[in-house]
């Protein structure tokens, strides 16, 4: 038995997971869609920084101005603008 100078057993091992548990940021009702949901972009805004080109959604998704996304688990979603968006005009 491996013991320290204080007599505690130090041979016990702990199991570590390569995936960390990400707590839900959503505390309101009804809850926002999860980051894994297809409609994840409909979650509420937590932080909005248009001058920097990104927004943080309640489900932990970072949504970028170019429609790209960074999910809480590190997965990258490529920009997905609708086809033909170069012809869309905004009101003055």
PDB file of N, CA and C in Angstrom:
ATOM      1  N   UNK A   1       0.839  -1.174   0.000  1.00  0.00           N
ATOM      2  CA  UNK A   1       0.000   0.000   0.000  1.00  0.00           C
ATOM      3  C   UNK A   1       0.879   1.230   0.000  1.00  0.00           C
ATOM      4  N   UNK A   2       0.561   2.176  -0.864  1.00  0.00           N
ATOM      5  CA  UNK A   2       1.308   3.413  -0.983  1.00  0.00           C
ATOM      6  C   UNK A   2       0.667   4.459  -0.087  1.00  0.00           C
ATOM      7  N   UNK A   3       1.390   4.954   0.891  1.00  0.00           N
ATOM      8  CA  UNK A   3       0.839   5.953   1.799  1.00  0.00           C
ATOM      9  C   UNK A   3       1.734   7.165   1.836  1.00  0.00           C
ATOM     10  N   UNK A   4       1.146   8.315   2.099  1.00  0.00           N
ATOM     11  CA  UNK A   4       1.924   9.542   2.235  1.00  0.00           C
ATOM     12  C   UNK A   4       2.412   9.652   3.662  1.00  0.00           C
ATOM     13  N   UNK A   5       3.116  10.712   3.955  1.00  0.00           N
ATOM     14  CA  UNK A   5       3.649  10.895   5.299  1.00  0.00           C
ATOM     15  C   UNK A   5       2.544  11.073   6.329  1.00  0.00           C
ATOM     16  N   UNK A   6       1.359  11.404   5.903  1.00  0.00           N
ATOM     17  CA  UNK A   6       0.237  11.569   6.833  1.00  0.00           C
ATOM     18  C   UNK A   6      -0.579  10.286   6.984  1.00  0.00           C
ATOM     19  N   UNK A   7      -0.201   9.241   6.286  1.00  0.00           N
ATOM     20  CA  UNK A   7      -0.869   7.961   6.444  1.00  0.00           C
ATOM     21  C   UNK A   7      -2.074   7.774   5.535  1.00  0.00           C
ATOM     22  N   UNK A   8      -2.327   8.673   4.617  1.00  0.00           N
ATOM     23  CA  UNK A   8      -3.448   8.518   3.699  1.00  0.00           C
ATOM     24  C   UNK A   8      -3.057   7.619   2.545  1.00  0.00           C
ATOM     25  N   UNK A   9      -3.987   6.806   2.095  1.00  0.00           N
ATOM     26  CA  UNK A   9      -3.764   5.929   0.960  1.00  0.00           C
ATOM     27  C   UNK A   9      -3.796   6.766  -0.320  1.00  0.00           C
ATOM     28  N   UNK A  10      -2.722   6.769  -1.088  1.00  0.00           N
ATOM     29  CA  UNK A  10      -2.642   7.559  -2.316  1.00  0.00           C
ATOM     30  C   UNK A  10      -2.689   6.687  -3.557  1.00  0.00           C
ATOM     31  N   UNK A  11      -3.062   5.415  -3.407  1.00  0.00           N
ATOM     32  CA  UNK A  11      -3.086   4.517  -4.562  1.00  0.00           C
ATOM     33  C   UNK A  11      -4.395   4.605  -5.336  1.00  0.00           C
ATOM     34  N   UNK A  12      -5.400   5.255  -4.789  1.00  0.00           N
ATOM     35  CA  UNK A  12      -6.686   5.370  -5.479  1.00  0.00           C
ATOM     36  C   UNK A  12      -6.523   6.198  -6.749  1.00  0.00           C
ATOM     37  N   UNK A  13      -7.168   5.760  -7.796  1.00  0.00           N
ATOM     38  CA  UNK A  13      -7.103   6.503  -9.055  1.00  0.00           C
ATOM     39  C   UNK A  13      -8.465   7.082  -9.365  1.00  0.00           C
ATOM     40  N   UNK A  14      -8.446   8.166 -10.082  1.00  0.00           N
ATOM     41  CA  UNK A  14      -9.698   8.769 -10.507  1.00  0.00           C
ATOM     42  C   UNK A  14      -9.805   8.639 -12.007  1.00  0.00           C
ATOM     43  N   UNK A  15     -11.021   8.473 -12.479  1.00  0.00           N
ATOM     44  CA  UNK A  15     -11.240   8.360 -13.908  1.00  0.00           C
ATOM     45  C   UNK A  15     -11.567   9.743 -14.453  1.00  0.00           C
ATOM     46  N   UNK A  16     -10.807  10.159 -15.442  1.00  0.00           N
ATOM     47  CA  UNK A  16     -11.043  11.440 -16.076  1.00  0.00           C
ATOM     48  C   UNK A  16     -11.612  11.216 -17.457  1.00  0.00           C
ATOM     49  N   UNK A  17     -12.536  12.007 -17.819  1.00  0.00           N
ATOM     50  CA  UNK A  17     -13.149  11.911 -19.136  1.00  0.00           C
ATOM     51  C   UNK A  17     -12.504  12.924 -20.063  1.00  0.00           C
ATOM     52  N   UNK A  18     -12.359  12.565 -21.330  1.00  0.00           N
ATOM     53  CA  UNK A  18     -11.815  13.504 -22.295  1.00  0.00           C
ATOM     54  C   UNK A  18     -12.847  14.559 -22.663  1.00  0.00           C
ATOM     55  N   UNK A  19     -14.108  14.303 -22.371  1.00  0.00           N
ATOM     56  CA  UNK A  19     -15.189  15.258 -22.622  1.00  0.00           C
ATOM     57  C   UNK A  19     -15.579  15.885 -21.298  1.00  0.00           C
ATOM     58  N   UNK A  20     -15.560  17.222 -21.248  1.00  0.00           N
ATOM     59  CA  UNK A  20     -16.000  17.855 -20.017  1.00  0.00           C
ATOM     60  C   UNK A  20     -17.493  18.150 -20.101  1.00  0.00           C
ATOM     61  N   UNK A  21     -18.140  18.107 -18.984  1.00  0.00           N
ATOM     62  CA  UNK A  21     -19.576  18.378 -18.911  1.00  0.00           C
ATOM     63  C   UNK A  21     -19.764  19.889 -18.955  1.00  0.00           C
ATOM     64  N   UNK A  22     -20.556  20.336 -19.901  1.00  0.00           N
ATOM     65  CA  UNK A  22     -20.786  21.769 -20.051  1.00  0.00           C
ATOM     66  C   UNK A  22     -22.167  22.083 -19.482  1.00  0.00           C
ATOM     67  N   UNK A  23     -22.206  22.888 -18.412  1.00  0.00           N
ATOM     68  CA  UNK A  23     -23.500  23.174 -17.798  1.00  0.00           C
ATOM     69  C   UNK A  23     -24.348  24.054 -18.704  1.00  0.00           C
ATOM     70  N   UNK A  24     -25.640  23.901 -18.603  1.00  0.00           N
ATOM     71  CA  UNK A  24     -26.557  24.710 -19.383  1.00  0.00           C
ATOM     72  C   UNK A  24     -26.563  26.132 -18.844  1.00  0.00           C
ATOM     73  N   UNK A  25     -26.463  27.105 -19.740  1.00  0.00           N
ATOM     74  CA  UNK A  25     -26.512  28.502 -19.338  1.00  0.00           C
ATOM     75  C   UNK A  25     -27.962  28.971 -19.258  1.00  0.00           C
ATOM     76  N   UNK A  26     -28.874  28.240 -19.852  1.00  0.00           N
ATOM     77  CA  UNK A  26     -30.272  28.634 -19.964  1.00  0.00           C
ATOM     78  C   UNK A  26     -30.991  28.406 -18.637  1.00  0.00           C
ATOM     79  N   UNK A  27     -31.457  29.479 -18.027  1.00  0.00           N
ATOM     80  CA  UNK A  27     -32.158  29.381 -16.755  1.00  0.00           C
ATOM     81  C   UNK A  27     -33.597  29.863 -16.848  1.00  0.00           C
ATOM     82  N   UNK A  28     -34.101  30.152 -18.045  1.00  0.00           N
ATOM     83  CA  UNK A  28     -35.456  30.671 -18.189  1.00  0.00           C
ATOM     84  C   UNK A  28     -36.387  29.618 -18.784  1.00  0.00           C
ATOM     85  N   UNK A  29     -37.685  29.933 -18.756  1.00  0.00           N
ATOM     86  CA  UNK A  29     -38.703  29.020 -19.279  1.00  0.00           C
ATOM     87  C   UNK A  29     -39.462  29.696 -20.406  1.00  0.00           C
ATOM     88  N   UNK A  30     -39.786  29.044 -21.471  1.00  0.00           N
ATOM     89  CA  UNK A  30     -39.321  27.707 -21.831  1.00  0.00           C
ATOM     90  C   UNK A  30     -37.832  27.757 -22.153  1.00  0.00           C
ATOM     91  N   UNK A  31     -37.135  26.655 -21.941  1.00  0.00           N
ATOM     92  CA  UNK A  31     -35.684  26.657 -22.181  1.00  0.00           C
ATOM     93  C   UNK A  31     -35.349  26.790 -23.659  1.00  0.00           C
ATOM     94  N   UNK A  32     -34.200  27.364 -23.917  1.00  0.00           N
ATOM     95  CA  UNK A  32     -33.714  27.512 -25.291  1.00  0.00           C
ATOM     96  C   UNK A  32     -33.332  26.153 -25.865  1.00  0.00           C
ATOM     97  N   UNK A  33     -33.304  26.047 -27.195  1.00  0.00           N
ATOM     98  CA  UNK A  33     -32.824  24.798 -27.799  1.00  0.00           C
ATOM     99  C   UNK A  33     -31.364  24.554 -27.413  1.00  0.00           C
ATOM    100  N   UNK A  34     -30.989  23.317 -27.296  1.00  0.00           N
ATOM    101  CA  UNK A  34     -29.612  22.984 -26.942  1.00  0.00           C
ATOM    102  C   UNK A  34     -28.677  23.292 -28.099  1.00  0.00           C
ATOM    103  N   UNK A  35     -27.386  23.294 -27.821  1.00  0.00           N
ATOM    104  CA  UNK A  35     -26.389  23.553 -28.848  1.00  0.00           C
ATOM    105  C   UNK A  35     -26.368  22.447 -29.899  1.00  0.00           C
ATOM    106  N   UNK A  36     -26.879  21.262 -29.568  1.00  0.00           N
ATOM    107  CA  UNK A  36     -26.914  20.142 -30.502  1.00  0.00           C
ATOM    108  C   UNK A  36     -28.152  20.173 -31.396  1.00  0.00           C
ATOM    109  N   UNK A  37     -29.137  20.995 -31.064  1.00  0.00           N
ATOM    110  CA  UNK A  37     -30.385  21.058 -31.822  1.00  0.00           C
ATOM    111  C   UNK A  37     -30.191  21.748 -33.163  1.00  0.00           C
ATOM    112  N   UNK A  38     -31.017  21.370 -34.130  1.00  0.00           N
ATOM    113  CA  UNK A  38     -30.955  22.001 -35.451  1.00  0.00           C
ATOM    114  C   UNK A  38     -31.351  23.479 -35.379  1.00  0.00           C
ATOM    115  N   UNK A  39     -32.202  23.834 -34.418  1.00  0.00           N
ATOM    116  CA  UNK A  39     -32.650  25.226 -34.281  1.00  0.00           C
ATOM    117  C   UNK A  39     -31.880  25.988 -33.198  1.00  0.00           C
ATOM    118  N   UNK A  40     -30.609  25.608 -32.972  1.00  0.00           N
ATOM    119  CA  UNK A  40     -29.786  26.214 -31.922  1.00  0.00           C
ATOM    120  C   UNK A  40     -29.651  27.725 -32.057  1.00  0.00           C
ATOM    121  N   UNK A  41     -29.767  28.266 -33.281  1.00  0.00           N
ATOM    122  CA  UNK A  41     -29.599  29.701 -33.502  1.00  0.00           C
ATOM    123  C   UNK A  41     -30.763  30.522 -32.965  1.00  0.00           C
ATOM    124  N   UNK A  42     -31.856  29.871 -32.569  1.00  0.00           N
ATOM    125  CA  UNK A  42     -33.008  30.595 -32.044  1.00  0.00           C
ATOM    126  C   UNK A  42     -32.925  30.831 -30.535  1.00  0.00           C
ATOM    127  N   UNK A  43     -31.829  30.451 -29.907  1.00  0.00           N
ATOM    128  CA  UNK A  43     -31.651  30.691 -28.474  1.00  0.00           C
ATOM    129  C   UNK A  43     -31.503  32.190 -28.212  1.00  0.00           C
ATOM    130  N   UNK A  44     -31.790  32.592 -26.993  1.00  0.00           N
ATOM    131  CA  UNK A  44     -31.688  34.002 -26.606  1.00  0.00           C
ATOM    132  C   UNK A  44     -30.246  34.485 -26.589  1.00  0.00           C
ATOM    133  N   UNK A  45     -30.069  35.780 -26.871  1.00  0.00           N
ATOM    134  CA  UNK A  45     -28.750  36.396 -26.809  1.00  0.00           C
ATOM    135  C   UNK A  45     -28.339  36.619 -25.361  1.00  0.00           C
ATOM    136  N   UNK A  46     -27.099  36.300 -25.050  1.00  0.00           N
ATOM    137  CA  UNK A  46     -26.539  36.570 -23.738  1.00  0.00           C
ATOM    138  C   UNK A  46     -25.590  37.764 -23.846  1.00  0.00           C
ATOM    139  N   UNK A  47     -24.816  37.792 -24.918  1.00  0.00           N
ATOM    140  CA  UNK A  47     -23.891  38.899 -25.186  1.00  0.00           C
ATOM    141  C   UNK A  47     -23.884  39.148 -26.686  1.00  0.00           C
ATOM    142  N   UNK A  48     -23.872  40.421 -27.057  1.00  0.00           N
ATOM    143  CA  UNK A  48     -23.918  40.792 -28.473  1.00  0.00           C
ATOM    144  C   UNK A  48     -22.839  41.836 -28.730  1.00  0.00           C
ATOM    145  N   UNK A  49     -21.904  41.531 -29.607  1.00  0.00           N
ATOM    146  CA  UNK A  49     -20.813  42.450 -29.927  1.00  0.00           C
ATOM    147  C   UNK A  49     -20.704  42.603 -31.440  1.00  0.00           C
ATOM    148  N   UNK A  50     -21.628  43.384 -32.045  1.00  0.00           N
ATOM    149  CA  UNK A  50     -21.614  43.542 -33.501  1.00  0.00           C
ATOM    150  C   UNK A  50     -20.331  44.204 -34.010  1.00  0.00           C
ATOM    151  N   UNK A  51     -19.714  45.030 -33.186  1.00  0.00           N
ATOM    152  CA  UNK A  51     -18.467  45.670 -33.595  1.00  0.00           C
ATOM    153  C   UNK A  51     -17.332  44.659 -33.758  1.00  0.00           C
ATOM    154  N   UNK A  52     -17.465  43.507 -33.102  1.00  0.00           N
ATOM    155  CA  UNK A  52     -16.481  42.439 -33.214  1.00  0.00           C
ATOM    156  C   UNK A  52     -16.987  41.289 -34.073  1.00  0.00           C
ATOM    157  N   UNK A  53     -18.261  41.320 -34.424  1.00  0.00           N
ATOM    158  CA  UNK A  53     -18.813  40.326 -35.334  1.00  0.00           C
ATOM    159  C   UNK A  53     -19.265  39.023 -34.705  1.00  0.00           C
ATOM    160  N   UNK A  54     -19.596  39.025 -33.407  1.00  0.00           N
ATOM    161  CA  UNK A  54     -20.045  37.788 -32.778  1.00  0.00           C
ATOM    162  C   UNK A  54     -21.101  38.047 -31.717  1.00  0.00           C
ATOM    163  N   UNK A  55     -21.837  36.977 -31.407  1.00  0.00           N
ATOM    164  CA  UNK A  55     -22.840  36.987 -30.344  1.00  0.00           C
ATOM    165  C   UNK A  55     -22.764  35.665 -29.594  1.00  0.00           C
ATOM    166  N   UNK A  56     -22.995  35.707 -28.293  1.00  0.00           N
ATOM    167  CA  UNK A  56     -23.061  34.504 -27.469  1.00  0.00           C
ATOM    168  C   UNK A  56     -24.520  34.217 -27.187  1.00  0.00           C
ATOM    169  N   UNK A  57     -24.941  33.009 -27.502  1.00  0.00           N
ATOM    170  CA  UNK A  57     -26.320  32.604 -27.273  1.00  0.00           C
ATOM    171  C   UNK A  57     -26.443  31.896 -25.929  1.00  0.00           C
ATOM    172  N   UNK A  58     -27.644  31.820 -25.422  1.00  0.00           N
ATOM    173  CA  UNK A  58     -27.933  31.240 -24.123  1.00  0.00           C
ATOM    174  C   UNK A  58     -27.501  29.775 -24.017  1.00  0.00           C
ATOM    175  N   UNK A  59     -27.470  29.070 -25.127  1.00  0.00           N
ATOM    176  CA  UNK A  59     -27.084  27.656 -25.121  1.00  0.00           C
ATOM    177  C   UNK A  59     -25.575  27.456 -25.256  1.00  0.00           C
ATOM    178  N   UNK A  60     -24.804  28.546 -25.201  1.00  0.00           N
ATOM    179  CA  UNK A  60     -23.350  28.447 -25.246  1.00  0.00           C
ATOM    180  C   UNK A  60     -22.758  28.527 -26.638  1.00  0.00           C
ATOM    181  N   UNK A  61     -23.583  28.706 -27.655  1.00  0.00           N
ATOM    182  CA  UNK A  61     -23.104  28.794 -29.040  1.00  0.00           C
ATOM    183  C   UNK A  61     -22.595  30.203 -29.310  1.00  0.00           C
ATOM    184  N   UNK A  62     -21.418  30.297 -29.917  1.00  0.00           N
ATOM    185  CA  UNK A  62     -20.917  31.575 -30.420  1.00  0.00           C
ATOM    186  C   UNK A  62     -21.349  31.676 -31.868  1.00  0.00           C
ATOM    187  N   UNK A  63     -22.123  32.688 -32.174  1.00  0.00           N
ATOM    188  CA  UNK A  63     -22.648  32.898 -33.511  1.00  0.00           C
ATOM    189  C   UNK A  63     -21.904  34.072 -34.125  1.00  0.00           C
ATOM    190  N   UNK A  64     -21.311  33.859 -35.292  1.00  0.00           N
ATOM    191  CA  UNK A  64     -20.515  34.890 -35.946  1.00  0.00           C
ATOM    192  C   UNK A  64     -21.304  35.583 -37.042  1.00  0.00           C
ATOM    193  N   UNK A  65     -20.899  36.811 -37.337  1.00  0.00           N
ATOM    194  CA  UNK A  65     -21.565  37.646 -38.332  1.00  0.00           C
ATOM    195  C   UNK A  65     -21.687  36.969 -39.697  1.00  0.00           C
ATOM    196  N   UNK A  66     -20.714  36.150 -40.060  1.00  0.00           N
ATOM    197  CA  UNK A  66     -20.733  35.473 -41.357  1.00  0.00           C
ATOM    198  C   UNK A  66     -21.590  34.208 -41.346  1.00  0.00           C
ATOM    199  N   UNK A  67     -22.352  33.979 -40.279  1.00  0.00           N
ATOM    200  CA  UNK A  67     -23.226  32.841 -40.004  1.00  0.00           C
ATOM    201  C   UNK A  67     -22.474  31.574 -39.603  1.00  0.00           C
ATOM    202  N   UNK A  68     -21.182  31.663 -39.391  1.00  0.00           N
ATOM    203  CA  UNK A  68     -20.438  30.538 -38.833  1.00  0.00           C
ATOM    204  C   UNK A  68     -20.746  30.424 -37.347  1.00  0.00           C
ATOM    205  N   UNK A  69     -20.470  29.256 -36.772  1.00  0.00           N
ATOM    206  CA  UNK A  69     -20.767  29.014 -35.361  1.00  0.00           C
ATOM    207  C   UNK A  69     -19.644  28.218 -34.711  1.00  0.00           C
ATOM    208  N   UNK A  70     -19.478  28.448 -33.421  1.00  0.00           N
ATOM    209  CA  UNK A  70     -18.579  27.655 -32.595  1.00  0.00           C
ATOM    210  C   UNK A  70     -19.422  27.095 -31.467  1.00  0.00           C
ATOM    211  N   UNK A  71     -19.532  25.772 -31.419  1.00  0.00           N
ATOM    212  CA  UNK A  71     -20.351  25.114 -30.410  1.00  0.00           C
ATOM    213  C   UNK A  71     -19.568  24.966 -29.107  1.00  0.00           C
ATOM    214  N   UNK A  72     -20.260  24.807 -27.987  1.00  0.00           N
ATOM    215  CA  UNK A  72     -19.578  24.699 -26.692  1.00  0.00           C
ATOM    216  C   UNK A  72     -18.567  23.557 -26.610  1.00  0.00           C
ATOM    217  N   UNK A  73     -18.761  22.492 -27.378  1.00  0.00           N
ATOM    218  CA  UNK A  73     -17.823  21.363 -27.342  1.00  0.00           C
ATOM    219  C   UNK A  73     -16.621  21.574 -28.258  1.00  0.00           C
ATOM    220  N   UNK A  74     -16.548  22.747 -28.917  1.00  0.00           N
ATOM    221  CA  UNK A  74     -15.419  23.066 -29.791  1.00  0.00           C
ATOM    222  C   UNK A  74     -15.666  22.787 -31.256  1.00  0.00           C
ATOM    223  N   UNK A  75     -16.801  22.183 -31.575  1.00  0.00           N
ATOM    224  CA  UNK A  75     -17.126  21.889 -32.977  1.00  0.00           C
ATOM    225  C   UNK A  75     -17.363  23.185 -33.735  1.00  0.00           C
ATOM    226  N   UNK A  76     -16.860  23.252 -34.954  1.00  0.00           N
ATOM    227  CA  UNK A  76     -17.011  24.423 -35.805  1.00  0.00           C
ATOM    228  C   UNK A  76     -18.071  24.148 -36.861  1.00  0.00           C
ATOM    229  N   UNK A  77     -19.002  25.077 -37.004  1.00  0.00           N
ATOM    230  CA  UNK A  77     -20.020  25.002 -38.047  1.00  0.00           C
ATOM    231  C   UNK A  77     -19.658  26.080 -39.068  1.00  0.00           C
ATOM    232  N   UNK A  78     -19.415  25.668 -40.295  1.00  0.00           N
ATOM    233  CA  UNK A  78     -19.008  26.599 -41.350  1.00  0.00           C
ATOM    234  C   UNK A  78     -20.130  27.594 -41.648  1.00  0.00           C
ATOM    235  N   UNK A  79     -19.781  28.784 -42.134  1.00  0.00           N
ATOM    236  CA  UNK A  79     -20.816  29.752 -42.519  1.00  0.00           C
ATOM    237  C   UNK A  79     -21.811  29.120 -43.494  1.00  0.00           C
ATOM    238  N   UNK A  80     -23.079  29.475 -43.335  1.00  0.00           N
ATOM    239  CA  UNK A  80     -24.127  28.867 -44.153  1.00  0.00           C
ATOM    240  C   UNK A  80     -25.157  29.910 -44.584  1.00  0.00           C
ATOM    241  N   UNK A  81     -24.674  30.931 -45.271  1.00  0.00           N
ATOM    242  CA  UNK A  81     -25.572  31.960 -45.793  1.00  0.00           C
ATOM    243  C   UNK A  81     -26.447  31.369 -46.882  1.00  0.00           C
ATOM    244  N   UNK A  82     -27.676  31.854 -47.001  1.00  0.00           N
ATOM    245  CA  UNK A  82     -28.545  31.352 -48.070  1.00  0.00           C
ATOM    246  C   UNK A  82     -28.012  31.731 -49.442  1.00  0.00           C
ATOM    247  N   UNK A  83     -28.247  30.863 -50.411  1.00  0.00           N
ATOM    248  CA  UNK A  83     -27.821  31.135 -51.779  1.00  0.00           C
ATOM    249  C   UNK A  83     -28.562  32.353 -52.315  1.00  0.00           C
ATOM    250  N   UNK A  84     -27.857  33.185 -53.077  1.00  0.00           N
ATOM    251  CA  UNK A  84     -28.472  34.363 -53.671  1.00  0.00           C
ATOM    252  C   UNK A  84     -28.571  35.533 -52.716  1.00  0.00           C
ATOM    253  N   UNK A  85     -27.887  35.497 -51.589  1.00  0.00           N
ATOM    254  CA  UNK A  85     -27.992  36.579 -50.608  1.00  0.00           C
ATOM    255  C   UNK A  85     -27.294  37.855 -51.070  1.00  0.00           C
ATOM    256  N   UNK A  86     -26.478  37.777 -52.115  1.00  0.00           N
ATOM    257  CA  UNK A  86     -25.797  38.983 -52.593  1.00  0.00           C
ATOM    258  C   UNK A  86     -26.773  39.958 -53.250  1.00  0.00           C
ATOM    259  N   UNK A  87     -27.990  39.509 -53.580  1.00  0.00           N
ATOM    260  CA  UNK A  87     -28.982  40.370 -54.217  1.00  0.00           C
ATOM    261  C   UNK A  87     -29.997  40.944 -53.230  1.00  0.00           C
ATOM    262  N   UNK A  88     -29.851  40.614 -51.949  1.00  0.00           N
ATOM    263  CA  UNK A  88     -30.791  41.103 -50.941  1.00  0.00           C
ATOM    264  C   UNK A  88     -30.417  42.530 -50.591  1.00  0.00           C
ATOM    265  N   UNK A  89     -31.417  43.412 -50.546  1.00  0.00           N
ATOM    266  CA  UNK A  89     -31.191  44.808 -50.190  1.00  0.00           C
ATOM    267  C   UNK A  89     -31.867  45.091 -48.857  1.00  0.00           C
ATOM    268  N   UNK A  90     -31.268  45.960 -48.090  1.00  0.00           N
ATOM    269  CA  UNK A  90     -31.848  46.347 -46.807  1.00  0.00           C
ATOM    270  C   UNK A  90     -32.512  47.708 -46.959  1.00  0.00           C
ATOM    271  N   UNK A  91     -33.501  47.955 -46.142  1.00  0.00           N
ATOM    272  CA  UNK A  91     -34.201  49.241 -46.183  1.00  0.00           C
ATOM    273  C   UNK A  91     -33.301  50.335 -45.612  1.00  0.00           C
ATOM    274  N   UNK A  92     -33.424  51.504 -46.160  1.00  0.00           N
ATOM    275  CA  UNK A  92     -32.598  52.636 -45.718  1.00  0.00           C
ATOM    276  C   UNK A  92     -33.107  53.226 -44.447  1.00  0.00           C
TER     277      UNK A  92
END
